[in-house]
Amino acid sequence: MSGCGVRLAWLAVVAAALVALSACGFTPLYGEAAMAGLSRVEVQTPDSRLGYRLRERMEDALLFDRSAAPAWRLAVALEPSRRPLGRRIDDTAARYELTLVGDWSLTPASGGEALTGQETVTVTYAAADQPYAAIAAQQDAEDRAAEALAQRIRLALVRAMGPTGPARP
């Protein structure tokens, strides 16, 4: 079989597999149908730098539509903790581990039973001797933790509001 014939046979197999997947009700996790109701989720976070960063990342992840009335309210409570890792000769920390726990509750705007969950992310960052560098490293770790937590919560919401989840408004 020539190279062109092999390529055509391979494309035929891939096309047949895609047709079979679509017939079984397969829906991609990132498809429009999976994300349809999430653009109307209003995010509420603590009034802090970390809360602001998380709300910003959540609105981006959910494709929040400010022009539409919110159908859901997502309240996220944050519990950050920081612990030193490793020791230098002078007995100071060489790195820090930032753990961010987000307890979330998704409630229909019209009232009703809430969906709840908890997501946890952990990031590390280097300890710096200079004060500005230390603050910048900690803030960068908080930004990375907020991004990771937003993605985990979004995935949890997609699973919860999927075909077997609650009805979308």
N, C-alpha and C. Protein backbone atom coordinates (compact mmCIF):
# COMPACT_ATOMS: atom_id res chain seq x y z
N MET A 1 0.85 -1.18 0.00
CA MET A 1 0.00 0.00 0.00
C MET A 1 0.89 1.23 0.00
N SER A 2 0.54 2.21 -0.80
CA SER A 2 1.35 3.42 -0.90
C SER A 2 1.10 4.33 0.30
N GLY A 3 1.95 5.34 0.47
CA GLY A 3 1.82 6.29 1.58
C GLY A 3 0.48 7.00 1.57
N CYS A 4 -0.03 7.32 0.39
CA CYS A 4 -1.31 8.01 0.27
C CYS A 4 -2.45 7.07 0.68
N GLY A 5 -2.34 5.79 0.31
CA GLY A 5 -3.37 4.82 0.66
C GLY A 5 -3.43 4.58 2.15
N VAL A 6 -2.26 4.54 2.80
CA VAL A 6 -2.20 4.36 4.25
C VAL A 6 -2.84 5.56 4.95
N ARG A 7 -2.54 6.73 4.45
CA ARG A 7 -3.10 7.95 5.04
C ARG A 7 -4.62 7.97 4.91
N LEU A 8 -5.15 7.59 3.76
CA LEU A 8 -6.61 7.55 3.56
C LEU A 8 -7.25 6.51 4.47
N ALA A 9 -6.62 5.35 4.63
CA ALA A 9 -7.16 4.32 5.51
C ALA A 9 -7.18 4.81 6.95
N TRP A 10 -6.11 5.49 7.36
CA TRP A 10 -6.04 6.02 8.72
C TRP A 10 -7.12 7.08 8.95
N LEU A 11 -7.32 7.97 8.00
CA LEU A 11 -8.37 8.98 8.11
C LEU A 11 -9.75 8.35 8.18
N ALA A 12 -9.96 7.28 7.45
CA ALA A 12 -11.25 6.58 7.49
C ALA A 12 -11.49 5.98 8.87
N VAL A 13 -10.45 5.41 9.48
CA VAL A 13 -10.57 4.84 10.82
C VAL A 13 -10.89 5.94 11.84
N VAL A 14 -10.19 7.06 11.75
CA VAL A 14 -10.43 8.18 12.67
C VAL A 14 -11.86 8.71 12.50
N ALA A 15 -12.32 8.87 11.28
CA ALA A 15 -13.68 9.35 11.02
C ALA A 15 -14.70 8.39 11.59
N ALA A 16 -14.48 7.09 11.43
CA ALA A 16 -15.41 6.10 11.98
C ALA A 16 -15.44 6.16 13.50
N ALA A 17 -14.27 6.36 14.13
CA ALA A 17 -14.22 6.47 15.59
C ALA A 17 -14.96 7.71 16.07
N LEU A 18 -14.83 8.81 15.36
CA LEU A 18 -15.55 10.04 15.75
C LEU A 18 -17.05 9.87 15.61
N VAL A 19 -17.49 9.21 14.58
CA VAL A 19 -18.93 8.95 14.40
C VAL A 19 -19.43 8.07 15.53
N ALA A 20 -18.65 7.05 15.91
CA ALA A 20 -19.06 6.16 16.99
C ALA A 20 -19.14 6.91 18.31
N LEU A 21 -18.17 7.79 18.58
CA LEU A 21 -18.20 8.57 19.81
C LEU A 21 -19.40 9.51 19.86
N SER A 22 -19.73 10.13 18.76
CA SER A 22 -20.86 11.05 18.77
C SER A 22 -22.18 10.31 18.94
N ALA A 23 -22.25 9.07 18.49
CA ALA A 23 -23.47 8.29 18.62
C ALA A 23 -23.71 7.83 20.05
N CYS A 24 -22.66 7.74 20.86
CA CYS A 24 -22.83 7.24 22.23
C CYS A 24 -23.12 8.37 23.22
N GLY A 25 -23.27 9.58 22.75
CA GLY A 25 -23.58 10.70 23.64
C GLY A 25 -22.36 11.36 24.25
N PHE A 26 -21.18 11.09 23.72
CA PHE A 26 -19.94 11.69 24.22
C PHE A 26 -19.99 13.20 24.03
N THR A 27 -19.71 13.95 25.09
CA THR A 27 -19.63 15.40 25.03
C THR A 27 -18.28 15.83 25.57
N PRO A 28 -17.50 16.58 24.80
CA PRO A 28 -16.20 17.02 25.31
C PRO A 28 -16.38 17.90 26.55
N LEU A 29 -15.48 17.73 27.50
CA LEU A 29 -15.56 18.49 28.74
C LEU A 29 -15.46 19.98 28.52
N TYR A 30 -14.74 20.40 27.48
CA TYR A 30 -14.56 21.82 27.21
C TYR A 30 -15.46 22.29 26.07
N GLY A 31 -16.41 21.49 25.65
CA GLY A 31 -17.30 21.86 24.56
C GLY A 31 -18.28 22.94 24.99
N GLU A 32 -18.94 23.55 24.02
CA GLU A 32 -19.88 24.62 24.31
C GLU A 32 -21.03 24.15 25.19
N ALA A 33 -21.49 22.91 24.96
CA ALA A 33 -22.60 22.40 25.76
C ALA A 33 -22.22 22.28 27.23
N ALA A 34 -20.98 21.88 27.51
CA ALA A 34 -20.53 21.72 28.89
C ALA A 34 -20.37 23.07 29.58
N MET A 35 -20.01 24.11 28.85
CA MET A 35 -19.75 25.42 29.44
C MET A 35 -20.94 26.36 29.34
N ALA A 36 -22.06 25.92 28.75
CA ALA A 36 -23.17 26.81 28.43
C ALA A 36 -23.70 27.59 29.63
N GLY A 37 -23.99 26.96 30.75
CA GLY A 37 -24.58 27.66 31.88
C GLY A 37 -23.58 28.38 32.75
N LEU A 38 -22.29 28.12 32.57
CA LEU A 38 -21.29 28.68 33.46
C LEU A 38 -21.01 30.16 33.21
N SER A 39 -21.37 30.68 32.06
CA SER A 39 -21.10 32.09 31.78
C SER A 39 -22.04 33.00 32.59
N ARG A 40 -23.04 32.41 33.22
CA ARG A 40 -23.98 33.19 34.03
C ARG A 40 -23.80 32.93 35.52
N VAL A 41 -22.58 32.56 35.91
CA VAL A 41 -22.26 32.32 37.32
C VAL A 41 -21.55 33.54 37.88
N GLU A 42 -22.17 34.17 38.87
CA GLU A 42 -21.56 35.32 39.55
C GLU A 42 -20.68 34.79 40.68
N VAL A 43 -19.44 35.25 40.73
CA VAL A 43 -18.46 34.75 41.69
C VAL A 43 -18.32 35.73 42.84
N GLN A 44 -18.39 35.21 44.06
CA GLN A 44 -18.20 36.00 45.27
C GLN A 44 -17.04 35.40 46.06
N THR A 45 -16.04 36.23 46.35
CA THR A 45 -14.85 35.79 47.08
C THR A 45 -14.57 36.74 48.22
N PRO A 46 -13.68 36.37 49.14
CA PRO A 46 -13.33 37.29 50.24
C PRO A 46 -12.75 38.60 49.71
N ASP A 47 -12.91 39.65 50.49
CA ASP A 47 -12.41 40.98 50.12
C ASP A 47 -10.94 41.09 50.54
N SER A 48 -10.08 40.48 49.73
CA SER A 48 -8.64 40.50 49.98
C SER A 48 -7.93 40.43 48.64
N ARG A 49 -6.62 40.61 48.65
CA ARG A 49 -5.85 40.52 47.40
C ARG A 49 -6.01 39.14 46.79
N LEU A 50 -5.89 38.10 47.60
CA LEU A 50 -6.02 36.73 47.11
C LEU A 50 -7.44 36.45 46.62
N GLY A 51 -8.44 36.96 47.34
CA GLY A 51 -9.83 36.80 46.92
C GLY A 51 -10.10 37.48 45.59
N TYR A 52 -9.53 38.68 45.42
CA TYR A 52 -9.69 39.40 44.16
C TYR A 52 -9.06 38.62 43.01
N ARG A 53 -7.85 38.10 43.24
CA ARG A 53 -7.17 37.33 42.20
C ARG A 53 -7.97 36.09 41.82
N LEU A 54 -8.53 35.41 42.81
CA LEU A 54 -9.33 34.22 42.53
C LEU A 54 -10.59 34.58 41.75
N ARG A 55 -11.28 35.64 42.16
CA ARG A 55 -12.50 36.06 41.46
C ARG A 55 -12.18 36.41 40.00
N GLU A 56 -11.09 37.11 39.79
CA GLU A 56 -10.66 37.48 38.45
C GLU A 56 -10.41 36.22 37.60
N ARG A 57 -9.69 35.27 38.17
CA ARG A 57 -9.39 34.02 37.45
C ARG A 57 -10.65 33.18 37.22
N MET A 58 -11.55 33.15 38.20
CA MET A 58 -12.79 32.37 38.06
C MET A 58 -13.67 32.96 36.94
N GLU A 59 -13.79 34.29 36.91
CA GLU A 59 -14.60 34.91 35.87
C GLU A 59 -14.03 34.63 34.48
N ASP A 60 -12.70 34.62 34.37
CA ASP A 60 -12.06 34.26 33.10
C ASP A 60 -12.32 32.80 32.75
N ALA A 61 -12.17 31.91 33.73
CA ALA A 61 -12.34 30.48 33.48
C ALA A 61 -13.78 30.12 33.12
N LEU A 62 -14.74 30.84 33.70
CA LEU A 62 -16.15 30.55 33.45
C LEU A 62 -16.72 31.35 32.29
N LEU A 63 -15.91 32.22 31.68
CA LEU A 63 -16.35 33.08 30.59
C LEU A 63 -17.55 33.92 31.02
N PHE A 64 -17.43 34.54 32.20
CA PHE A 64 -18.53 35.30 32.80
C PHE A 64 -19.04 36.38 31.87
N ASP A 65 -20.36 36.39 31.65
CA ASP A 65 -21.01 37.36 30.77
C ASP A 65 -21.65 38.44 31.63
N ARG A 66 -21.03 39.60 31.68
CA ARG A 66 -21.53 40.71 32.52
C ARG A 66 -22.83 41.31 31.98
N SER A 67 -23.13 41.07 30.71
CA SER A 67 -24.34 41.66 30.13
C SER A 67 -25.60 40.85 30.46
N ALA A 68 -25.44 39.62 30.90
CA ALA A 68 -26.59 38.76 31.23
C ALA A 68 -26.80 38.73 32.74
N ALA A 69 -28.05 38.55 33.14
CA ALA A 69 -28.35 38.44 34.56
C ALA A 69 -27.79 37.12 35.09
N PRO A 70 -27.13 37.14 36.26
CA PRO A 70 -26.58 35.89 36.81
C PRO A 70 -27.68 34.88 37.12
N ALA A 71 -27.45 33.64 36.76
CA ALA A 71 -28.39 32.56 37.05
C ALA A 71 -27.93 31.77 38.28
N TRP A 72 -26.64 31.88 38.60
CA TRP A 72 -26.05 31.16 39.72
C TRP A 72 -25.16 32.10 40.52
N ARG A 73 -24.98 31.79 41.78
CA ARG A 73 -24.04 32.52 42.63
C ARG A 73 -23.05 31.51 43.20
N LEU A 74 -21.78 31.78 42.95
CA LEU A 74 -20.71 30.91 43.44
C LEU A 74 -19.98 31.65 44.55
N ALA A 75 -20.11 31.19 45.76
CA ALA A 75 -19.41 31.78 46.90
C ALA A 75 -18.22 30.89 47.24
N VAL A 76 -17.05 31.51 47.33
CA VAL A 76 -15.83 30.75 47.63
C VAL A 76 -15.19 31.34 48.89
N ALA A 77 -15.00 30.48 49.89
CA ALA A 77 -14.28 30.86 51.10
C ALA A 77 -12.86 30.31 50.99
N LEU A 78 -11.88 31.14 51.29
CA LEU A 78 -10.48 30.74 51.14
C LEU A 78 -9.80 30.56 52.49
N GLU A 79 -8.95 29.54 52.55
CA GLU A 79 -8.14 29.33 53.74
C GLU A 79 -6.70 29.06 53.30
N PRO A 80 -5.89 30.13 53.23
CA PRO A 80 -4.49 29.93 52.85
C PRO A 80 -3.64 29.55 54.07
N SER A 81 -2.62 28.76 53.83
CA SER A 81 -1.65 28.46 54.88
C SER A 81 -0.27 28.36 54.24
N ARG A 82 0.72 28.75 54.99
CA ARG A 82 2.09 28.78 54.48
C ARG A 82 2.99 28.07 55.48
N ARG A 83 3.85 27.19 54.96
CA ARG A 83 4.78 26.52 55.86
C ARG A 83 6.17 26.50 55.24
N PRO A 84 7.20 26.66 56.09
CA PRO A 84 8.57 26.67 55.57
C PRO A 84 9.02 25.26 55.18
N LEU A 85 9.84 25.21 54.13
CA LEU A 85 10.43 23.95 53.67
C LEU A 85 11.94 24.13 53.61
N GLY A 86 12.68 23.16 54.04
CA GLY A 86 14.13 23.22 53.95
C GLY A 86 14.71 24.29 54.86
N ARG A 87 15.91 24.10 55.26
CA ARG A 87 16.59 25.07 56.13
C ARG A 87 17.96 25.40 55.58
N ARG A 88 18.30 26.67 55.71
CA ARG A 88 19.64 27.12 55.36
C ARG A 88 20.55 26.95 56.57
N ILE A 89 21.79 27.28 56.40
CA ILE A 89 22.76 27.18 57.49
C ILE A 89 22.37 28.08 58.66
N ASP A 90 21.80 29.25 58.34
CA ASP A 90 21.41 30.19 59.40
C ASP A 90 20.02 29.87 59.97
N ASP A 91 19.49 28.68 59.69
CA ASP A 91 18.21 28.18 60.20
C ASP A 91 17.01 29.00 59.73
N THR A 92 17.09 29.56 58.53
CA THR A 92 15.94 30.21 57.91
C THR A 92 15.42 29.32 56.78
N ALA A 93 14.19 29.52 56.42
CA ALA A 93 13.57 28.68 55.39
C ALA A 93 14.17 28.97 54.02
N ALA A 94 14.39 27.91 53.25
CA ALA A 94 14.90 28.06 51.89
C ALA A 94 13.75 28.19 50.89
N ARG A 95 12.64 27.56 51.21
CA ARG A 95 11.44 27.60 50.35
C ARG A 95 10.21 27.64 51.25
N TYR A 96 9.10 28.00 50.67
CA TYR A 96 7.82 27.96 51.37
C TYR A 96 6.82 27.18 50.54
N GLU A 97 5.88 26.58 51.22
CA GLU A 97 4.79 25.86 50.57
C GLU A 97 3.50 26.60 50.92
N LEU A 98 2.79 27.04 49.89
CA LEU A 98 1.52 27.74 50.09
C LEU A 98 0.40 26.78 49.71
N THR A 99 -0.46 26.48 50.67
CA THR A 99 -1.62 25.62 50.43
C THR A 99 -2.86 26.50 50.51
N LEU A 100 -3.69 26.38 49.49
CA LEU A 100 -4.90 27.19 49.40
C LEU A 100 -6.10 26.25 49.32
N VAL A 101 -6.96 26.33 50.33
CA VAL A 101 -8.17 25.52 50.37
C VAL A 101 -9.34 26.42 50.04
N GLY A 102 -10.13 26.02 49.05
CA GLY A 102 -11.31 26.79 48.65
C GLY A 102 -12.58 25.99 48.87
N ASP A 103 -13.40 26.41 49.82
CA ASP A 103 -14.71 25.81 50.02
C ASP A 103 -15.69 26.60 49.18
N TRP A 104 -16.38 25.93 48.24
CA TRP A 104 -17.28 26.65 47.35
C TRP A 104 -18.71 26.16 47.50
N SER A 105 -19.62 27.06 47.18
CA SER A 105 -21.05 26.78 47.24
C SER A 105 -21.71 27.44 46.04
N LEU A 106 -22.38 26.65 45.22
CA LEU A 106 -23.06 27.15 44.02
C LEU A 106 -24.56 27.10 44.27
N THR A 107 -25.20 28.28 44.24
CA THR A 107 -26.62 28.39 44.54
C THR A 107 -27.33 29.03 43.36
N PRO A 108 -28.50 28.51 42.97
CA PRO A 108 -29.28 29.18 41.93
C PRO A 108 -29.67 30.58 42.40
N ALA A 109 -29.64 31.56 41.51
CA ALA A 109 -29.98 32.94 41.86
C ALA A 109 -31.44 33.03 42.32
N SER A 110 -32.28 32.16 41.83
CA SER A 110 -33.69 32.17 42.21
C SER A 110 -33.94 31.48 43.53
N GLY A 111 -32.89 30.95 44.15
CA GLY A 111 -33.02 30.23 45.41
C GLY A 111 -33.07 28.73 45.15
N GLY A 112 -32.87 27.98 46.18
CA GLY A 112 -32.89 26.54 46.04
C GLY A 112 -31.70 25.90 46.72
N GLU A 113 -31.56 24.61 46.49
CA GLU A 113 -30.49 23.85 47.13
C GLU A 113 -29.15 24.16 46.49
N ALA A 114 -28.14 24.30 47.34
CA ALA A 114 -26.80 24.64 46.86
C ALA A 114 -25.97 23.38 46.63
N LEU A 115 -25.11 23.47 45.64
CA LEU A 115 -24.08 22.45 45.42
C LEU A 115 -22.85 22.94 46.15
N THR A 116 -22.16 22.05 46.85
CA THR A 116 -20.97 22.47 47.59
C THR A 116 -19.79 21.56 47.26
N GLY A 117 -18.63 22.05 47.52
CA GLY A 117 -17.42 21.27 47.31
C GLY A 117 -16.22 21.94 47.92
N GLN A 118 -15.11 21.25 47.88
CA GLN A 118 -13.87 21.80 48.40
C GLN A 118 -12.74 21.38 47.46
N GLU A 119 -11.89 22.32 47.14
CA GLU A 119 -10.73 22.07 46.30
C GLU A 119 -9.50 22.60 47.03
N THR A 120 -8.38 21.91 46.84
CA THR A 120 -7.13 22.29 47.49
C THR A 120 -6.00 22.31 46.46
N VAL A 121 -5.19 23.34 46.51
CA VAL A 121 -3.99 23.42 45.66
C VAL A 121 -2.79 23.78 46.53
N THR A 122 -1.64 23.33 46.10
CA THR A 122 -0.40 23.63 46.81
C THR A 122 0.65 24.08 45.80
N VAL A 123 1.31 25.18 46.10
CA VAL A 123 2.42 25.68 45.27
C VAL A 123 3.58 25.99 46.20
N THR A 124 4.77 26.00 45.63
CA THR A 124 5.96 26.35 46.41
C THR A 124 6.65 27.55 45.79
N TYR A 125 7.43 28.22 46.59
CA TYR A 125 8.21 29.35 46.08
C TYR A 125 9.47 29.51 46.92
N ALA A 126 10.48 30.10 46.32
CA ALA A 126 11.77 30.29 46.97
C ALA A 126 11.70 31.45 47.95
N ALA A 127 12.39 31.30 49.06
CA ALA A 127 12.50 32.38 50.04
C ALA A 127 13.64 33.28 49.62
N ALA A 128 13.40 34.56 49.58
CA ALA A 128 14.43 35.53 49.18
C ALA A 128 14.88 36.34 50.39
N ASP A 129 16.12 36.78 50.34
CA ASP A 129 16.67 37.59 51.44
C ASP A 129 16.21 39.05 51.36
N GLN A 130 16.06 39.57 50.15
CA GLN A 130 15.65 40.96 49.98
C GLN A 130 14.13 41.08 50.20
N PRO A 131 13.71 42.09 50.95
CA PRO A 131 12.27 42.22 51.26
C PRO A 131 11.38 42.31 50.02
N TYR A 132 11.76 43.11 49.02
CA TYR A 132 10.92 43.25 47.83
C TYR A 132 10.82 41.93 47.09
N ALA A 133 11.93 41.23 46.96
CA ALA A 133 11.94 39.94 46.26
C ALA A 133 11.09 38.91 47.01
N ALA A 134 11.12 38.96 48.33
CA ALA A 134 10.31 38.03 49.12
C ALA A 134 8.83 38.29 48.93
N ILE A 135 8.44 39.55 48.90
CA ILE A 135 7.02 39.90 48.67
C ILE A 135 6.60 39.51 47.27
N ALA A 136 7.45 39.79 46.28
CA ALA A 136 7.13 39.43 44.90
C ALA A 136 6.99 37.92 44.74
N ALA A 137 7.86 37.14 45.37
CA ALA A 137 7.78 35.68 45.29
C ALA A 137 6.50 35.17 45.93
N GLN A 138 6.13 35.73 47.07
CA GLN A 138 4.90 35.30 47.74
C GLN A 138 3.67 35.66 46.91
N GLN A 139 3.64 36.85 46.35
CA GLN A 139 2.50 37.26 45.52
C GLN A 139 2.40 36.43 44.25
N ASP A 140 3.54 36.08 43.66
CA ASP A 140 3.53 35.21 42.48
C ASP A 140 2.97 33.84 42.84
N ALA A 141 3.34 33.31 43.99
CA ALA A 141 2.80 32.02 44.44
C ALA A 141 1.29 32.11 44.66
N GLU A 142 0.83 33.21 45.24
CA GLU A 142 -0.61 33.40 45.43
C GLU A 142 -1.34 33.45 44.09
N ASP A 143 -0.76 34.14 43.11
CA ASP A 143 -1.37 34.22 41.78
C ASP A 143 -1.45 32.83 41.13
N ARG A 144 -0.37 32.06 41.24
CA ARG A 144 -0.37 30.70 40.67
C ARG A 144 -1.37 29.81 41.38
N ALA A 145 -1.48 29.95 42.70
CA ALA A 145 -2.45 29.16 43.47
C ALA A 145 -3.88 29.54 43.09
N ALA A 146 -4.13 30.84 42.91
CA ALA A 146 -5.47 31.29 42.51
C ALA A 146 -5.85 30.74 41.14
N GLU A 147 -4.90 30.74 40.21
CA GLU A 147 -5.15 30.20 38.87
C GLU A 147 -5.46 28.71 38.93
N ALA A 148 -4.67 27.96 39.68
CA ALA A 148 -4.88 26.52 39.79
C ALA A 148 -6.20 26.21 40.49
N LEU A 149 -6.53 26.98 41.53
CA LEU A 149 -7.80 26.75 42.24
C LEU A 149 -8.99 27.08 41.35
N ALA A 150 -8.89 28.15 40.57
CA ALA A 150 -9.97 28.51 39.65
C ALA A 150 -10.22 27.38 38.65
N GLN A 151 -9.17 26.79 38.13
CA GLN A 151 -9.32 25.70 37.16
C GLN A 151 -9.93 24.47 37.82
N ARG A 152 -9.54 24.15 39.04
CA ARG A 152 -10.11 23.00 39.74
C ARG A 152 -11.59 23.21 40.05
N ILE A 153 -11.95 24.41 40.48
CA ILE A 153 -13.35 24.68 40.77
C ILE A 153 -14.17 24.64 39.49
N ARG A 154 -13.63 25.19 38.41
CA ARG A 154 -14.34 25.14 37.12
C ARG A 154 -14.60 23.71 36.70
N LEU A 155 -13.61 22.84 36.82
CA LEU A 155 -13.80 21.43 36.47
C LEU A 155 -14.86 20.78 37.36
N ALA A 156 -14.85 21.11 38.64
CA ALA A 156 -15.85 20.56 39.55
C ALA A 156 -17.25 21.04 39.15
N LEU A 157 -17.37 22.30 38.74
CA LEU A 157 -18.67 22.82 38.32
C LEU A 157 -19.15 22.17 37.03
N VAL A 158 -18.24 21.95 36.09
CA VAL A 158 -18.61 21.29 34.84
C VAL A 158 -19.12 19.88 35.13
N ARG A 159 -18.43 19.17 36.03
CA ARG A 159 -18.88 17.82 36.40
C ARG A 159 -20.24 17.88 37.09
N ALA A 160 -20.40 18.84 38.01
CA ALA A 160 -21.65 18.93 38.78
C ALA A 160 -22.83 19.36 37.91
N MET A 161 -22.58 20.21 36.93
CA MET A 161 -23.67 20.71 36.11
C MET A 161 -23.79 19.97 34.77
N GLY A 162 -23.07 18.87 34.64
CA GLY A 162 -23.10 18.09 33.42
C GLY A 162 -24.45 17.43 33.20
N PRO A 163 -24.52 16.49 32.26
CA PRO A 163 -25.78 15.85 31.91
C PRO A 163 -26.47 15.17 33.10
N THR A 164 -25.69 14.69 34.07
CA THR A 164 -26.29 14.03 35.22
C THR A 164 -26.46 14.99 36.41
N GLY A 165 -25.99 16.22 36.28
CA GLY A 165 -26.07 17.20 37.35
C GLY A 165 -27.42 17.90 37.37
N PRO A 166 -27.54 18.99 38.16
CA PRO A 166 -28.81 19.71 38.26
C PRO A 166 -29.18 20.39 36.95
N ALA A 167 -30.45 20.66 36.79
CA ALA A 167 -30.93 21.32 35.58
C ALA A 167 -30.36 22.73 35.50
N ARG A 168 -30.02 23.15 34.32
CA ARG A 168 -29.50 24.50 34.13
C ARG A 168 -30.65 25.47 34.00
N PRO A 169 -30.46 26.69 34.50
CA PRO A 169 -31.54 27.69 34.38
C PRO A 169 -31.69 28.18 32.96
